[in-house]
Structures are given as structure tokens and as C-alpha cells.
Amino acid sequence: MEIAFASGRLARVSARMTMMGRDFHDFLTLVRDGAEWRIVAKVFSYVPRKD
């Protein structure tokens, strides 16, 4: 849904996805380590799908 950069080394991602019969909303904090981005924190919430 959204990627917000605080600097060239720190970013926040907001994502939504559906899997295993649930709708998830995730917030990820990423830190750049050399040429790669690494997830250092993940917080999520989900609700069962009403299919």
C-alpha cells in the first residue's frame, strides 16, 4: 500500500494481503544494510475472511 522513506537507510512499509483465509494488514520497519534492505520489525493484524 505504501512505502515511506525516513532517510536513505530507514523505511516503513504498510502492506495488505490475504492468505490462509485471513485478511492481513502489516507494518514493517526496514533498515538498509549495504546493498540490501532488512526487516527489523513487523507488526500485523488480521481478520477472518467472510467468503
C-alpha atoms as a PDB file:
ATOM      1  CA  MET A   1       0.000   0.000   0.000  1.00  0.00           C
ATOM      2  CA  GLU A   2       2.715   2.481   0.984  1.00  0.00           C
ATOM      3  CA  ILE A   3       6.479   2.849   1.352  1.00  0.00           C
ATOM      4  CA  ALA A   4       7.751   5.863   3.302  1.00  0.00           C
ATOM      5  CA  PHE A   5      11.467   6.661   3.479  1.00  0.00           C
ATOM      6  CA  ALA A   6      12.740   8.460   6.581  1.00  0.00           C
ATOM      7  CA  SER A   7      16.259   8.539   5.075  1.00  0.00           C
ATOM      8  CA  GLY A   8      18.407   6.540   2.672  1.00  0.00           C
ATOM      9  CA  ARG A   9      18.788   3.950   5.422  1.00  0.00           C
ATOM     10  CA  LEU A  10      15.349   3.733   7.107  1.00  0.00           C
ATOM     11  CA  ALA A  11      11.907   2.966   5.629  1.00  0.00           C
ATOM     12  CA  ARG A  12       8.404   1.958   6.691  1.00  0.00           C
ATOM     13  CA  VAL A  13       6.106  -0.289   4.643  1.00  0.00           C
ATOM     14  CA  SER A  14       2.355  -0.721   5.024  1.00  0.00           C
ATOM     15  CA  ALA A  15       1.023  -3.818   3.255  1.00  0.00           C
ATOM     16  CA  ARG A  16      -2.225  -5.773   2.926  1.00  0.00           C
ATOM     17  CA  MET A  17      -2.568  -9.352   1.816  1.00  0.00           C
ATOM     18  CA  THR A  18      -4.901 -12.310   2.000  1.00  0.00           C
ATOM     19  CA  MET A  19      -3.715 -15.804   2.852  1.00  0.00           C
ATOM     20  CA  MET A  20      -4.892 -18.810   4.854  1.00  0.00           C
ATOM     21  CA  GLY A  21      -8.461 -17.444   4.842  1.00  0.00           C
ATOM     22  CA  ARG A  22      -7.496 -14.167   6.563  1.00  0.00           C
ATOM     23  CA  ASP A  23      -7.053 -10.536   5.516  1.00  0.00           C
ATOM     24  CA  PHE A  24      -3.760  -9.225   6.944  1.00  0.00           C
ATOM     25  CA  HIS A  25      -2.544  -5.658   7.449  1.00  0.00           C
ATOM     26  CA  ASP A  26       1.213  -5.443   8.137  1.00  0.00           C
ATOM     27  CA  PHE A  27       3.505  -2.616   9.220  1.00  0.00           C
ATOM     28  CA  LEU A  28       7.207  -3.272   8.545  1.00  0.00           C
ATOM     29  CA  THR A  29      10.269  -1.257   9.554  1.00  0.00           C
ATOM     30  CA  LEU A  30      13.258  -1.721   7.240  1.00  0.00           C
ATOM     31  CA  VAL A  31      16.916  -0.740   7.595  1.00  0.00           C
ATOM     32  CA  ARG A  32      19.389  -0.677   4.723  1.00  0.00           C
ATOM     33  CA  ASP A  33      22.399  -2.946   5.282  1.00  0.00           C
ATOM     34  CA  GLY A  34      24.891  -2.341   2.493  1.00  0.00           C
ATOM     35  CA  ALA A  35      23.044  -3.014  -0.772  1.00  0.00           C
ATOM     36  CA  GLU A  36      20.117  -4.844   0.894  1.00  0.00           C
ATOM     37  CA  TRP A  37      17.050  -3.841   2.885  1.00  0.00           C
ATOM     38  CA  ARG A  38      16.327  -5.896   6.017  1.00  0.00           C
ATOM     39  CA  ILE A  39      13.097  -6.118   8.003  1.00  0.00           C
ATOM     40  CA  VAL A  40      13.897  -5.295  11.626  1.00  0.00           C
ATOM     41  CA  ALA A  41      10.327  -5.118  12.978  1.00  0.00           C
ATOM     42  CA  LYS A  42       6.934  -6.438  11.896  1.00  0.00           C
ATOM     43  CA  VAL A  43       3.554  -5.738  13.481  1.00  0.00           C
ATOM     44  CA  PHE A  44       0.388  -7.167  11.976  1.00  0.00           C
ATOM     45  CA  SER A  45      -3.296  -7.653  12.467  1.00  0.00           C
ATOM     46  CA  TYR A  46      -5.797  -9.909  10.700  1.00  0.00           C
ATOM     47  CA  VAL A  47      -9.484 -10.659  10.404  1.00  0.00           C
ATOM     48  CA  PRO A  48     -11.072 -13.868   9.067  1.00  0.00           C
ATOM     49  CA  ARG A  49     -12.422 -13.581   5.510  1.00  0.00           C
ATOM     50  CA  LYS A  50     -16.185 -13.632   5.085  1.00  0.00           C
ATOM     51  CA  ASP A  51     -16.373 -15.671   1.875  1.00  0.00           C
END
